[in-house]
C-alpha atoms as a PDB file:
ATOM      1  CA  GLN A   1     122.068  91.714  86.719  1.00  0.00           C
ATOM      2  CA  VAL A   2     118.904  93.823  86.490  1.00  0.00           C
ATOM      3  CA  GLN A   3     115.459  92.619  85.496  1.00  0.00           C
ATOM      4  CA  LEU A   4     112.463  94.874  84.947  1.00  0.00           C
ATOM      5  CA  VAL A   5     108.836  93.808  84.543  1.00  0.00           C
ATOM      6  CA  GLU A   6     106.105  96.304  83.679  1.00  0.00           C
ATOM      7  CA  SER A   7     102.424  95.938  84.442  1.00  0.00           C
ATOM      8  CA  GLY A   8      99.288  98.035  84.699  1.00  0.00           C
ATOM      9  CA  GLY A   9      98.629  98.919  81.086  1.00  0.00           C
ATOM     10  CA  GLY A  10      95.207  98.718  79.549  1.00  0.00           C
ATOM     11  CA  LEU A  11      92.441 100.455  77.644  1.00  0.00           C
ATOM     12  CA  VAL A  12      91.018 103.649  79.123  1.00  0.00           C
ATOM     13  CA  GLN A  13      89.011 106.633  77.962  1.00  0.00           C
ATOM     14  CA  ALA A  14      90.482 110.083  77.496  1.00  0.00           C
ATOM     15  CA  GLY A  15      90.682 111.988  80.756  1.00  0.00           C
ATOM     16  CA  GLU A  16      91.011 108.902  82.912  1.00  0.00           C
ATOM     17  CA  THR A  17      93.931 107.724  85.019  1.00  0.00           C
ATOM     18  CA  LEU A  18      96.260 104.720  84.930  1.00  0.00           C
ATOM     19  CA  ARG A  19      99.165 103.695  87.112  1.00  0.00           C
ATOM     20  CA  LEU A  20     101.950 101.632  85.620  1.00  0.00           C
ATOM     21  CA  SER A  21     104.271  99.559  87.773  1.00  0.00           C
ATOM     22  CA  CYS A  22     107.812  98.375  87.125  1.00  0.00           C
ATOM     23  CA  ALA A  23     108.963  95.577  89.389  1.00  0.00           C
ATOM     24  CA  ALA A  24     112.750  95.635  89.530  1.00  0.00           C
ATOM     25  CA  SER A  25     115.350  93.203  90.772  1.00  0.00           C
ATOM     26  CA  ALA A  26     119.002  93.905  91.466  1.00  0.00           C
ATOM     27  CA  ARG A  27     121.517  93.691  94.274  1.00  0.00           C
ATOM     28  CA  THR A  28     121.197  97.428  94.695  1.00  0.00           C
ATOM     29  CA  PHE A  29     119.840 100.343  92.718  1.00  0.00           C
ATOM     30  CA  SER A  30     122.122 102.858  94.358  1.00  0.00           C
ATOM     31  CA  GLY A  31     123.390 105.211  91.665  1.00  0.00           C
ATOM     32  CA  TYR A  32     120.751 104.115  89.151  1.00  0.00           C
ATOM     33  CA  VAL A  33     118.390 106.235  87.145  1.00  0.00           C
ATOM     34  CA  MET A  34     115.008 104.662  86.465  1.00  0.00           C
ATOM     35  CA  ALA A  35     112.941 105.872  83.545  1.00  0.00           C
ATOM     36  CA  TRP A  36     109.840 105.358  81.475  1.00  0.00           C
ATOM     37  CA  PHE A  37     109.871 105.504  77.694  1.00  0.00           C
ATOM     38  CA  ARG A  38     107.048 104.992  75.237  1.00  0.00           C
ATOM     39  CA  GLN A  39     106.785 104.003  71.612  1.00  0.00           C
ATOM     40  CA  ALA A  40     103.768 104.333  69.343  1.00  0.00           C
ATOM     41  CA  PRO A  41     103.462 102.374  66.077  1.00  0.00           C
ATOM     42  CA  GLY A  42     105.756 103.836  63.442  1.00  0.00           C
ATOM     43  CA  LYS A  43     107.278 106.286  65.917  1.00  0.00           C
ATOM     44  CA  ASP A  44     110.550 106.595  67.780  1.00  0.00           C
ATOM     45  CA  ARG A  45     110.977 105.511  71.354  1.00  0.00           C
ATOM     46  CA  ASP A  46     110.461 108.716  73.340  1.00  0.00           C
ATOM     47  CA  PHE A  47     111.421 109.690  76.854  1.00  0.00           C
ATOM     48  CA  VAL A  48     108.550 110.116  79.311  1.00  0.00           C
ATOM     49  CA  ALA A  49     109.937 110.494  82.821  1.00  0.00           C
ATOM     50  CA  ALA A  50     112.875 109.543  85.017  1.00  0.00           C
ATOM     51  CA  VAL A  51     113.693 109.362  88.700  1.00  0.00           C
ATOM     52  CA  THR A  52     116.966 108.863  90.532  1.00  0.00           C
ATOM     53  CA  TRP A  53     116.829 105.906  92.871  1.00  0.00           C
ATOM     54  CA  SER A  54     118.638 107.413  95.821  1.00  0.00           C
ATOM     55  CA  GLY A  55     117.587 111.051  95.746  1.00  0.00           C
ATOM     56  CA  SER A  56     114.178 110.655  94.099  1.00  0.00           C
ATOM     57  CA  ARG A  57     114.815 113.531  91.709  1.00  0.00           C
ATOM     58  CA  GLU A  58     112.167 113.624  89.000  1.00  0.00           C
ATOM     59  CA  TYR A  59     112.414 114.589  85.334  1.00  0.00           C
ATOM     60  CA  TYR A  60     109.617 114.811  82.775  1.00  0.00           C
ATOM     61  CA  ALA A  61     109.099 115.249  79.083  1.00  0.00           C
ATOM     62  CA  ASP A  62     107.273 118.462  78.232  1.00  0.00           C
ATOM     63  CA  SER A  63     104.403 116.474  76.757  1.00  0.00           C
ATOM     64  CA  VAL A  64     103.547 114.847  80.094  1.00  0.00           C
ATOM     65  CA  ARG A  65     104.666 117.417  82.653  1.00  0.00           C
ATOM     66  CA  GLY A  66     101.844 118.205  85.051  1.00  0.00           C
ATOM     67  CA  ARG A  67      99.894 115.094  84.090  1.00  0.00           C
ATOM     68  CA  PHE A  68     102.268 112.210  84.835  1.00  0.00           C
ATOM     69  CA  THR A  69     104.113 111.490  88.061  1.00  0.00           C
ATOM     70  CA  ILE A  70     107.032 109.093  88.426  1.00  0.00           C
ATOM     71  CA  SER A  71     107.962 107.652  91.793  1.00  0.00           C
ATOM     72  CA  ARG A  72     109.853 104.763  93.316  1.00  0.00           C
ATOM     73  CA  ASP A  73     109.325 102.621  96.393  1.00  0.00           C
ATOM     74  CA  LYS A  74     112.662 101.418  97.721  1.00  0.00           C
ATOM     75  CA  ALA A  75     111.101  98.867 100.052  1.00  0.00           C
ATOM     76  CA  GLU A  76     109.162  97.260  97.207  1.00  0.00           C
ATOM     77  CA  ASN A  77     111.836  97.738  94.519  1.00  0.00           C
ATOM     78  CA  THR A  78     109.160  99.207  92.294  1.00  0.00           C
ATOM     79  CA  VAL A  79     108.940 102.243  90.038  1.00  0.00           C
ATOM     80  CA  TYR A  80     105.549 103.738  89.269  1.00  0.00           C
ATOM     81  CA  LEU A  81     104.169 106.016  86.601  1.00  0.00           C
ATOM     82  CA  GLN A  82     100.917 107.689  87.590  1.00  0.00           C
ATOM     83  CA  MET A  83      99.242 108.925  84.416  1.00  0.00           C
ATOM     84  CA  SER A  84      96.389 111.393  84.799  1.00  0.00           C
ATOM     85  CA  SER A  85      94.323 113.295  82.239  1.00  0.00           C
ATOM     86  CA  LEU A  86      95.233 110.755  79.605  1.00  0.00           C
ATOM     87  CA  LYS A  87      94.974 111.762  75.972  1.00  0.00           C
ATOM     88  CA  PRO A  88      94.678 109.626  72.833  1.00  0.00           C
ATOM     89  CA  GLU A  89      98.191 110.726  71.874  1.00  0.00           C
ATOM     90  CA  ASP A  90      99.470 108.970  75.007  1.00  0.00           C
ATOM     91  CA  THR A  91      98.660 105.647  73.352  1.00  0.00           C
ATOM     92  CA  ALA A  92     101.859 103.615  73.117  1.00  0.00           C
ATOM     93  CA  ILE A  93     103.799 100.725  74.509  1.00  0.00           C
ATOM     94  CA  TYR A  94     105.376 101.923  77.739  1.00  0.00           C
ATOM     95  CA  TYR A  95     108.790 100.600  78.730  1.00  0.00           C
ATOM     96  CA  CYS A  96     110.579 100.704  82.034  1.00  0.00           C
ATOM     97  CA  ALA A  97     114.318 101.302  81.759  1.00  0.00           C
ATOM     98  CA  ALA A  98     117.302 101.609  84.066  1.00  0.00           C
ATOM     99  CA  THR A  99     120.910 102.656  83.819  1.00  0.00           C
ATOM    100  CA  ASN A 100     123.937 102.922  86.067  1.00  0.00           C
ATOM    101  CA  ARG A 101     126.131 104.424  83.343  1.00  0.00           C
ATOM    102  CA  LEU A 102     125.286 108.085  83.837  1.00  0.00           C
ATOM    103  CA  LEU A 103     128.100 110.037  85.442  1.00  0.00           C
ATOM    104  CA  GLY A 104     126.509 113.383  86.187  1.00  0.00           C
ATOM    105  CA  GLY A 105     122.746 113.044  86.043  1.00  0.00           C
ATOM    106  CA  PHE A 106     119.830 111.688  84.070  1.00  0.00           C
ATOM    107  CA  SER A 107     119.463 111.201  80.328  1.00  0.00           C
ATOM    108  CA  ASN A 108     116.407 111.385  78.078  1.00  0.00           C
ATOM    109  CA  SER A 109     118.067 109.267  75.400  1.00  0.00           C
ATOM    110  CA  TRP A 110     117.136 105.599  75.131  1.00  0.00           C
ATOM    111  CA  ARG A 111     120.757 104.882  74.205  1.00  0.00           C
ATOM    112  CA  ALA A 112     121.835 105.669  77.759  1.00  0.00           C
ATOM    113  CA  TYR A 113     119.767 102.879  79.296  1.00  0.00           C
ATOM    114  CA  ASN A 114     121.167  99.382  79.421  1.00  0.00           C
ATOM    115  CA  TYR A 115     118.291  97.546  81.121  1.00  0.00           C
ATOM    116  CA  TRP A 116     114.764  97.314  79.724  1.00  0.00           C
ATOM    117  CA  GLY A 117     111.455  95.720  80.549  1.00  0.00           C
ATOM    118  CA  GLN A 118     109.229  93.988  78.036  1.00  0.00           C
ATOM    119  CA  GLY A 119     106.725  96.827  77.781  1.00  0.00           C
ATOM    120  CA  THR A 120     103.053  97.250  78.606  1.00  0.00           C
ATOM    121  CA  GLN A 121     100.401  98.555  76.223  1.00  0.00           C
ATOM    122  CA  VAL A 122      98.464 101.705  77.060  1.00  0.00           C
ATOM    123  CA  THR A 123      95.560 102.601  74.793  1.00  0.00           C
ATOM    124  CA  VAL A 124      93.544 105.783  75.303  1.00  0.00           C
ATOM    125  CA  SER A 125      90.283 106.082  73.407  1.00  0.00           C
ATOM    126  CA  SER A 126      88.586 109.371  72.576  1.00  0.00           C
END
């Protein structure tokens, strides 16, 4: 039902900026929560940010708050992650995720998301 395709990853130096895009397809995203997760080698898949499709409410992990901004463009069916002041510890594969199974709000658990993109690599050099 839902397909997600990430793009925009790459190699950047610490302190620089990247914007990731998640092109989404579905009949409607009403009631969905869209999120970004990331996973570094040998590490768990960690929550980064989330946004509700209809109300555009934003949620952030403490590690990225103030540096990253999540947004969505309803007309383009696209979710963005603007990443500023990048640090080497931000290096990971970044995944776009979506769920319509949340009853009362967002979730920072990967188990709550039933649709996933293929991931895009972000590497930040020091």
